Protein backbone atom coordinates (compact mmCIF):
# COMPACT_ATOMS: atom_id res chain seq x y z
CA ILE A 1 29.27 1.52 -31.69
CA TRP A 2 32.43 2.29 -34.02
CA LYS A 3 32.85 1.81 -37.73
CA ASP A 4 35.53 2.65 -40.11
CA PRO A 5 34.59 4.91 -42.98
CA LYS A 6 33.15 3.19 -46.10
CA ASP A 7 34.65 4.72 -49.35
CA GLY A 8 35.66 7.49 -47.24
CA LYS A 9 32.26 8.18 -46.19
CA GLU A 10 29.56 7.15 -43.65
CA PRO A 11 29.59 3.15 -43.16
CA ASN A 12 25.70 3.10 -44.14
CA ASN A 13 22.74 4.93 -45.02
CA TRP A 14 21.04 5.29 -41.82
CA GLY A 15 19.59 8.69 -40.80
CA ALA A 16 19.46 10.21 -37.23
CA CYS A 17 16.11 11.13 -35.81
CA PHE A 18 17.08 15.00 -35.81
CA GLY A 19 18.27 15.09 -39.48
CA GLY A 20 21.56 13.91 -41.28
CA SER A 21 23.33 10.84 -40.78
CA VAL A 22 23.67 8.54 -37.52
CA TRP A 23 27.43 8.43 -37.95
CA GLU A 24 29.61 11.39 -36.55
CA PHE A 25 33.31 11.34 -37.62
CA ASP A 26 35.80 11.24 -34.88
CA GLU A 27 39.23 13.00 -35.91
CA GLU A 28 41.19 11.04 -33.10
CA THR A 29 40.31 7.64 -34.14
CA GLY A 30 39.52 8.00 -37.62
CA MET A 31 36.23 6.38 -37.22
CA TYR A 32 32.66 7.11 -37.07
CA TYR A 33 30.51 6.57 -33.81
CA LEU A 34 26.67 5.82 -34.36
CA HIS A 35 23.89 7.83 -32.76
CA CYS A 36 20.30 7.39 -33.66
CA PHE A 37 19.56 10.89 -31.93
CA SER A 38 21.78 13.84 -31.19
CA LYS A 39 25.38 13.29 -31.89
CA LYS A 40 25.63 14.10 -28.09
CA GLN A 41 23.68 10.72 -27.45
CA PRO A 42 25.74 8.05 -29.10
CA ASP A 43 24.07 4.65 -29.02
CA LEU A 44 25.56 2.25 -26.54
CA ASN A 45 26.84 -1.22 -28.02
CA TRP A 46 24.49 -3.59 -26.30
CA GLU A 47 26.42 -6.52 -27.84
CA ASN A 48 29.19 -5.97 -25.55
CA SER A 49 28.50 -7.68 -22.22
CA LYS A 50 30.47 -5.49 -20.04
CA VAL A 51 28.19 -2.62 -21.27
CA ARG A 52 25.08 -4.51 -20.40
CA GLU A 53 26.41 -5.41 -16.88
CA GLU A 54 27.23 -1.69 -16.22
CA VAL A 55 23.65 -0.76 -17.21
CA PHE A 56 22.14 -3.27 -14.95
CA ARG A 57 24.41 -2.29 -12.28
CA MET A 58 22.97 1.12 -12.22
CA MET A 59 19.52 0.14 -12.40
CA ASN A 60 20.18 -2.08 -9.26
CA TRP A 61 21.72 0.98 -7.54
CA TRP A 62 18.51 2.73 -8.27
CA LEU A 63 16.32 -0.26 -6.99
CA ASP A 64 18.10 -0.12 -4.00
CA LYS A 65 17.44 3.54 -3.40
CA GLY A 66 13.59 2.28 -3.50
CA VAL A 67 12.40 3.42 -6.99
CA ASP A 68 9.29 1.76 -8.02
CA GLY A 69 10.40 0.94 -11.76
CA PHE A 70 11.87 2.39 -14.79
CA ARG A 71 10.52 4.21 -17.97
CA MET A 72 13.03 2.82 -20.80
CA ASP A 73 13.71 5.32 -23.51
CA VAL A 74 13.88 3.97 -27.36
CA LEU A 75 13.79 0.37 -25.84
CA SER A 76 13.25 -1.14 -29.44
CA LEU A 77 16.60 0.51 -30.65
CA LEU A 78 18.88 -1.60 -28.52
CA SER A 79 19.82 -4.21 -31.02
CA LYS A 80 21.09 -3.66 -34.46
CA GLU A 81 21.14 -5.73 -37.22
CA PRO A 82 24.54 -7.51 -37.43
CA GLY A 83 26.95 -5.93 -39.90
CA LEU A 84 24.81 -2.76 -39.94
CA PRO A 85 23.57 -3.12 -43.34
CA ASP A 86 21.90 -0.24 -45.46
CA LEU A 87 18.18 0.10 -44.69
CA GLY A 88 14.98 1.69 -46.36
CA PRO A 89 12.61 3.33 -46.57
CA VAL A 90 14.90 6.41 -47.55
CA LEU A 91 13.80 9.94 -46.71
CA ASN A 92 16.05 12.93 -47.93
CA GLY A 93 18.77 10.42 -48.74
CA TYR A 94 18.78 8.61 -45.37
CA ALA A 95 16.84 5.62 -44.17
CA VAL A 96 14.53 6.70 -41.27
CA TYR A 97 15.97 6.64 -37.92
CA ASN A 98 13.88 3.78 -36.65
CA ALA A 99 14.36 1.38 -39.70
CA CYS A 100 16.75 -0.48 -37.33
CA ALA A 101 13.96 -1.21 -34.33
CA ASN A 102 13.00 -4.52 -32.86
CA GLY A 103 16.61 -5.89 -33.94
CA PRO A 104 17.19 -9.70 -33.61
CA ARG A 105 18.70 -9.54 -30.03
CA VAL A 106 16.41 -7.03 -28.23
CA HIS A 107 14.22 -9.52 -26.65
CA GLU A 108 17.13 -11.58 -25.33
CA TYR A 109 18.64 -8.11 -23.76
CA ILE A 110 15.42 -7.18 -22.10
CA GLN A 111 14.81 -10.71 -20.66
CA GLU A 112 18.45 -10.63 -19.28
CA MET A 113 17.71 -7.33 -17.72
CA ARG A 114 14.56 -8.96 -16.29
CA ARG A 115 16.69 -11.76 -14.62
CA LYS A 116 19.53 -9.59 -13.32
CA VAL A 117 17.50 -6.37 -12.17
CA LEU A 118 13.79 -6.51 -12.35
CA ASN A 119 12.87 -9.45 -10.68
CA ARG A 120 14.93 -8.32 -7.66
CA ALA A 121 11.89 -5.84 -6.76
CA ASP A 122 8.32 -5.25 -7.21
CA THR A 123 8.77 -2.91 -10.32
CA ILE A 124 6.54 -1.17 -12.99
CA THR A 125 8.21 -0.89 -16.63
CA VAL A 126 7.09 0.67 -19.52
CA GLY A 127 9.50 0.72 -22.66
CA GLU A 128 9.11 3.50 -25.15
CA CYS A 129 8.99 1.42 -28.35
CA CYS A 130 9.24 3.46 -31.56
CA ALA A 131 8.23 1.22 -34.93
CA VAL A 132 6.68 -1.19 -32.72
CA THR A 133 4.15 -3.61 -34.31
CA LEU A 134 1.37 -5.12 -32.55
CA GLU A 135 3.23 -8.61 -32.63
CA GLU A 136 6.37 -7.09 -31.30
CA ALA A 137 4.34 -5.28 -28.54
CA LYS A 138 2.93 -8.79 -27.47
CA LYS A 139 6.54 -9.86 -26.97
CA TYR A 140 7.80 -6.86 -25.08
CA ALA A 141 4.92 -6.53 -22.89
CA SER A 142 3.63 -10.24 -22.73
CA ARG A 143 1.50 -11.18 -19.64
CA ASP A 144 4.29 -13.93 -19.18
CA GLY A 145 6.64 -11.35 -17.22
CA ARG A 146 9.54 -11.96 -19.15
CA GLU A 147 10.09 -8.54 -20.44
CA VAL A 148 8.32 -5.17 -19.37
CA ASN A 149 5.00 -4.53 -18.17
CA MET A 150 3.78 -1.98 -20.95
CA VAL A 151 5.20 -0.60 -24.16
CA PHE A 152 4.52 3.01 -25.44
CA GLN A 153 3.46 2.50 -29.12
CA PHE A 154 3.15 5.58 -31.25
CA GLU A 155 0.75 4.58 -33.99
CA HIS A 156 -2.11 6.79 -32.82
CA VAL A 157 -0.17 9.98 -32.27
CA ASP A 158 1.68 9.27 -35.87
CA CYS A 159 -1.55 8.83 -37.41
CA VAL A 160 -1.33 12.01 -39.84
CA PRO A 161 1.67 11.81 -42.00
CA GLY A 162 2.76 15.07 -43.24
CA PRO A 163 4.22 16.11 -46.63
CA ILE A 164 7.62 15.64 -45.31
CA GLY A 165 7.78 13.32 -42.44
CA LYS A 166 5.88 14.08 -39.70
CA TRP A 167 5.44 17.81 -40.30
CA THR A 168 2.07 19.11 -41.00
CA ASP A 169 -0.59 21.20 -39.63
CA GLU A 170 -3.59 18.70 -40.43
CA LYS A 171 -5.61 17.69 -37.76
CA PRO A 172 -6.00 13.79 -37.12
CA LYS A 173 -9.31 12.59 -38.15
CA LEU A 174 -11.51 10.34 -35.98
CA SER A 175 -12.02 8.13 -38.85
CA VAL A 176 -8.36 7.42 -38.88
CA LEU A 177 -7.79 7.66 -34.97
CA ARG A 178 -10.45 5.39 -33.90
CA PRO A 179 -9.27 2.23 -35.87
CA ILE A 180 -5.84 2.58 -34.27
CA LEU A 181 -7.21 2.88 -30.72
CA ASN A 182 -9.59 0.14 -31.03
CA LYS A 183 -7.04 -2.28 -32.84
CA TRP A 184 -4.64 -2.01 -29.75
CA GLN A 185 -7.56 -2.54 -27.39
CA TYR A 186 -8.66 -5.56 -29.18
CA GLU A 187 -5.22 -7.17 -30.00
CA LEU A 188 -3.70 -6.81 -26.85
CA GLU A 189 -6.68 -8.41 -24.74
CA GLY A 190 -5.45 -11.10 -22.80
CA LYS A 191 -2.05 -11.13 -23.92
CA ALA A 192 -0.33 -7.86 -22.85
CA TRP A 193 -1.13 -4.45 -21.29
CA ASN A 194 -1.90 -1.10 -23.05
CA SER A 195 -0.34 2.21 -22.14
CA LEU A 196 -2.72 5.10 -22.83
CA PHE A 197 -1.48 8.37 -23.48
CA LEU A 198 -2.24 11.32 -26.06
CA ASP A 199 0.51 13.88 -24.33
CA ASN A 200 4.10 13.57 -23.70
CA HIS A 201 7.57 15.36 -23.84
CA ASP A 202 7.60 14.58 -27.73
CA GLN A 203 4.09 15.41 -28.77
CA PRO A 204 1.99 18.65 -29.05
CA ARG A 205 -0.59 19.37 -26.62
CA ALA A 206 -3.23 17.15 -26.78
CA VAL A 207 -6.07 19.57 -26.36
CA SER A 208 -4.76 21.49 -29.15
CA ARG A 209 -3.98 18.43 -31.51
CA PHE A 210 -6.85 16.33 -31.00
CA ALA A 211 -9.76 18.77 -29.71
CA ASN A 212 -10.02 22.50 -29.57
CA ASP A 213 -7.87 24.84 -27.31
CA SER A 214 -10.10 28.05 -27.99
CA GLU A 215 -11.35 29.78 -25.07
CA LYS A 216 -14.84 28.67 -25.60
CA TYR A 217 -13.79 24.95 -25.92
CA ARG A 218 -10.67 24.32 -24.14
CA VAL A 219 -11.81 23.05 -20.59
CA VAL A 220 -14.68 21.04 -22.02
CA SER A 221 -12.66 19.34 -25.02
CA ALA A 222 -9.99 18.80 -22.53
CA LYS A 223 -12.17 16.79 -20.00
CA MET A 224 -13.66 15.10 -23.27
CA LEU A 225 -10.14 13.73 -24.21
CA ALA A 226 -9.42 12.71 -20.65
CA THR A 227 -12.67 10.74 -20.33
CA CYS A 228 -11.94 9.10 -23.52
CA LEU A 229 -8.53 8.17 -22.55
CA HIS A 230 -9.22 7.17 -18.84
CA MET A 231 -12.04 4.74 -19.59
CA LEU A 232 -10.09 2.70 -22.00
CA LYS A 233 -8.44 -0.48 -20.82
CA GLY A 234 -4.79 -0.05 -19.84
CA THR A 235 -2.81 2.43 -17.61
CA PRO A 236 -3.33 6.18 -18.48
CA TYR A 237 -0.45 8.48 -18.53
CA ILE A 238 -0.90 11.98 -17.61
CA TYR A 239 2.07 14.36 -18.86
CA GLN A 240 2.74 17.65 -16.86
CA GLY A 241 0.15 20.32 -17.65
CA GLU A 242 -2.33 17.94 -19.42
CA GLU A 243 -4.23 17.89 -15.99
CA LEU A 244 -4.54 21.77 -16.68
CA GLY A 245 -5.63 21.71 -20.23
CA MET A 246 -2.39 23.43 -20.96
CA THR A 247 -2.26 24.37 -24.71
CA ASN A 248 0.40 24.73 -27.71
CA VAL A 249 2.63 27.77 -27.34
CA TYR A 250 2.19 29.04 -31.06
CA PHE A 251 5.57 30.58 -31.56
CA ASP A 252 5.96 33.07 -34.26
CA LYS A 253 9.69 33.12 -34.72
CA LEU A 254 12.15 30.30 -35.33
CA GLU A 255 14.49 31.95 -32.51
CA ASP A 256 11.81 31.10 -29.80
CA TYR A 257 12.38 27.41 -30.55
CA ARG A 258 14.98 25.15 -28.60
CA ASP A 259 14.16 21.76 -29.96
CA ILE A 260 16.98 20.49 -31.98
CA GLU A 261 14.20 18.18 -34.15
CA SER A 262 12.29 21.38 -35.02
CA ILE A 263 15.25 23.60 -35.71
CA ASN A 264 17.00 21.00 -37.73
CA ALA A 265 13.82 20.20 -39.61
CA PHE A 266 13.09 23.91 -40.34
CA HIS A 267 16.51 24.29 -41.96
CA GLN A 268 16.96 20.85 -43.60
CA TYR A 269 13.49 21.52 -45.42
CA VAL A 270 13.29 25.37 -46.01
CA ASP A 271 17.02 25.87 -46.90
CA ASN A 272 16.73 23.22 -49.39
CA GLY A 273 13.68 24.53 -51.00
CA LEU A 274 11.47 21.67 -50.13
CA VAL A 275 9.10 23.70 -47.97
CA LYS A 276 8.26 27.43 -47.82
CA ALA A 277 9.46 28.91 -44.52
CA GLU A 278 5.62 30.05 -43.77
CA ASP A 279 4.55 26.75 -44.24
CA MET A 280 6.98 25.12 -41.73
CA MET A 281 6.35 27.63 -39.32
CA ARG A 282 2.78 26.53 -39.36
CA TYR A 283 3.90 22.83 -39.09
CA LEU A 284 6.07 23.81 -36.20
CA LYS A 285 3.29 25.83 -34.49
CA GLU A 286 1.07 22.44 -34.69
CA ILE A 287 3.57 19.56 -33.98
CA SER A 288 6.71 20.90 -32.52
CA ARG A 289 7.91 19.10 -29.35
CA ASP A 290 8.47 22.49 -27.92
CA ASN A 291 4.69 22.86 -27.57
CA ALA A 292 5.05 20.37 -24.55
CA ARG A 293 8.28 21.76 -23.32
CA THR A 294 7.16 25.30 -22.14
CA PRO A 295 7.59 25.99 -18.48
CA MET A 296 4.94 24.53 -15.96
CA GLN A 297 2.28 26.93 -15.45
CA TRP A 298 1.90 26.99 -11.55
CA ASP A 299 0.28 30.60 -11.04
CA ASP A 300 -0.17 33.84 -12.61
CA SER A 301 2.96 35.12 -11.34
CA LYS A 302 6.30 36.24 -13.59
CA ASN A 303 7.29 33.27 -15.73
CA ALA A 304 4.22 31.42 -14.20
CA GLY A 305 5.77 30.71 -10.88
CA PHE A 306 8.33 28.48 -12.72
CA THR A 307 11.26 30.48 -11.96
CA ASP A 308 12.68 33.95 -10.59
CA GLY A 309 15.26 33.61 -13.20
CA THR A 310 15.18 33.65 -17.04
CA PRO A 311 13.60 30.03 -18.29
CA TRP A 312 15.35 28.25 -20.98
CA ILE A 313 12.44 28.68 -23.28
CA ASN A 314 9.58 31.39 -23.14
CA VAL A 315 6.52 30.71 -21.09
CA ASN A 316 3.19 30.11 -22.81
CA PRO A 317 1.50 33.56 -22.92
CA ASN A 318 -1.80 32.08 -21.59
CA TYR A 319 -0.35 31.47 -18.27
CA LYS A 320 -2.42 34.11 -16.54
CA GLU A 321 -5.26 32.20 -17.09
CA ILE A 322 -4.15 28.53 -17.48
CA ASN A 323 -2.14 27.58 -14.26
CA ALA A 324 -2.43 25.27 -11.35
CA LYS A 325 -3.49 27.76 -8.58
CA ALA A 326 -6.29 29.00 -10.69
CA ALA A 327 -7.35 25.18 -11.40
CA LEU A 328 -7.27 24.17 -7.77
CA ALA A 329 -9.49 26.95 -6.75
CA ASP A 330 -12.15 26.02 -9.29
CA PRO A 331 -14.19 23.13 -8.62
CA ASP A 332 -15.22 22.57 -12.43
CA SER A 333 -11.61 22.96 -13.74
CA VAL A 334 -9.83 20.22 -15.80
CA PHE A 335 -7.64 19.43 -12.89
CA HIS A 336 -10.48 18.60 -10.42
CA TYR A 337 -12.06 16.42 -13.42
CA TYR A 338 -8.99 14.44 -13.75
CA GLN A 339 -8.92 13.80 -9.93
CA GLU A 340 -12.48 12.15 -10.27
CA LEU A 341 -11.66 10.06 -13.22
CA ILE A 342 -8.81 8.70 -11.34
CA ARG A 343 -11.19 8.28 -8.39
CA LEU A 344 -13.46 6.24 -10.47
CA ARG A 345 -10.60 4.01 -11.95
CA HIS A 346 -9.62 3.20 -8.16
CA THR A 347 -13.31 2.54 -7.40
CA LEU A 348 -14.76 0.40 -10.15
CA PRO A 349 -12.94 -3.01 -11.38
CA ILE A 350 -14.96 -2.75 -14.68
CA ILE A 351 -12.75 0.43 -15.70
CA VAL A 352 -9.60 -1.48 -15.15
CA TYR A 353 -10.42 -5.11 -15.90
CA GLY A 354 -13.61 -4.79 -18.18
CA LYS A 355 -13.40 -6.16 -21.88
CA PHE A 356 -13.51 -3.55 -24.63
CA GLN A 357 -15.96 -3.44 -27.23
CA GLY A 358 -16.02 -0.52 -30.10
CA LEU A 359 -19.18 1.19 -30.73
CA LEU A 360 -20.22 3.41 -33.83
CA GLU A 361 -17.24 2.35 -35.54
CA ASP A 362 -18.17 4.32 -38.73
CA SER A 363 -18.88 7.45 -37.12
CA GLU A 364 -16.85 10.40 -38.11
CA THR A 365 -17.72 12.30 -35.18
CA ILE A 366 -18.38 10.25 -31.91
CA TYR A 367 -15.89 7.84 -30.16
CA ALA A 368 -17.77 5.27 -28.28
CA TYR A 369 -17.25 1.98 -26.58
CA LYS A 370 -18.34 -0.42 -24.07
CA ARG A 371 -16.35 -2.18 -21.25
CA ILE A 372 -17.92 -5.40 -20.14
CA LEU A 373 -16.99 -7.39 -16.72
CA ASP A 374 -19.31 -9.89 -14.78
CA GLY A 375 -22.59 -8.86 -16.10
CA GLN A 376 -21.88 -5.21 -15.96
CA VAL A 377 -21.39 -2.89 -19.09
CA LEU A 378 -20.20 0.45 -18.85
CA THR A 379 -21.08 2.90 -22.05
CA VAL A 380 -18.62 5.77 -23.20
CA ALA A 381 -19.40 8.26 -25.63
CA CYS A 382 -17.28 11.26 -26.78
CA ASN A 383 -18.17 13.86 -29.28
CA PHE A 384 -14.89 15.11 -31.03
CA THR A 385 -16.27 17.84 -32.73
CA ASP A 386 -17.85 21.53 -31.90
CA GLN A 387 -21.10 20.73 -33.44
CA GLU A 388 -24.16 18.98 -31.64
CA GLN A 389 -24.33 15.32 -32.81
CA ASP A 390 -27.08 12.82 -32.73
CA CYS A 391 -26.35 9.78 -30.20
CA VAL A 392 -28.63 7.64 -28.34
CA LEU A 393 -26.26 5.47 -26.64
CA CYS A 394 -26.58 7.17 -23.05
CA GLU A 395 -30.46 7.22 -23.00
CA ASP A 396 -30.89 4.26 -20.70
CA PRO A 397 -33.17 5.64 -18.11
CA THR A 398 -32.08 2.80 -15.57
CA ALA A 399 -28.39 3.41 -16.20
CA GLU A 400 -26.20 5.32 -13.61
CA GLU A 401 -24.27 8.31 -14.75
CA LEU A 402 -20.68 7.90 -13.60
CA ILE A 403 -19.21 11.25 -15.03
CA SER A 404 -19.86 13.63 -17.79
CA ASN A 405 -18.16 17.12 -18.59
CA TYR A 406 -21.55 18.74 -18.98
CA LYS A 407 -23.91 19.43 -16.04
CA GLY A 408 -27.22 19.23 -18.32
CA HIS A 409 -27.84 16.95 -21.21
CA LYS A 410 -29.96 16.82 -24.47
CA ALA A 411 -32.05 14.14 -24.97
CA GLY A 412 -30.65 12.04 -28.10
CA LYS A 413 -27.76 14.45 -28.33
CA LEU A 414 -24.17 14.99 -27.48
CA GLN A 415 -23.21 18.74 -27.39
CA PRO A 416 -20.02 20.11 -28.81
CA TYR A 417 -17.14 17.92 -26.97
CA GLU A 418 -19.65 16.36 -24.67
CA ALA A 419 -18.29 12.98 -22.88
CA ARG A 420 -20.79 10.77 -21.05
CA VAL A 421 -20.05 7.59 -19.08
CA ILE A 422 -22.86 5.56 -18.07
CA LEU A 423 -23.01 2.40 -16.19
CA HIS A 424 -26.03 0.01 -16.96
CA LYS A 425 -27.63 -1.78 -14.02
């Protein structure tokens, strides 16, 4: 997407995700090209039919190879407003990078993709859709099958705005998280399908952010989060290492980071005197994307068994204790708990198809809900704190307990980070 300079400067006020302008000046042409992300990632011009046909050709090539579908990066940013006008809101002099999301032709482009590519095979598709609203999500992932099967929305992982953008060390509050999760459950019912996630390559480790990664509570709280997620309606996504309870890395030095977003943000805010260096380092420890990008922890050998060479980023120092080899050998590990959750989803239709109903919706400590199908009722209760909480939801003596992260229970109580799932007979 090329534009001439405007008054000798960038064509508009759009900001890139990783800082600065979306526009990069090219000396050879004397024009600017647009990049919502890194300058090494120029946006394709989807208004050009030849561009679309080439993308569709590549997708069909992969389908012919036998792939089962596609995860589509920043799908909501394909279409730009005609004329590329200035947009708001403005942060640090620039409009936020996703202000141009859900452009006027985006659904037209995806429906064309459906006709020319996706309908050729039995595919599963999920679109990463930044700045997607519920109403837009119902279009992208409508049950009419005209676009994609699911979208990744980020409202629940963006529920703690920082002093500047996303940067903060504040933990999400259940009173803020719950209504977002419940809203997407209620509003997509019968209209579209939810994708369920807490972890991915752009987020800190879920057990560190939403629960407790201390030695005392890491395993039980990782299991609690897994229970909470897998019993919701939708398709759960497990990010590498989540099934081991991998944690944030907590780097002490900026030079240990590799993420362009983290490094640019540090300099953008610290060098300009907007944030103190020690505060920004705390924010990076809590929320930097590099927390999810350290090498996979396979075993307790050098570099966690990831490589015999030098990894591109340091391994999390806790790999000696947290690794796949140890998890496979431990019947009570987070890994084996995930296997049991997945087995239950494959066994019980109520977990897949049951209607969602929120419970204890004013609680600051317990996330609870029901799933209902064909006269069956499933109750899920999850304690999001390190304190014992009063809860009688799972005290039905006639119910069958399907899974819990504790071997023994206390009547009328949920122990720290306890999760219980019961099926009422």
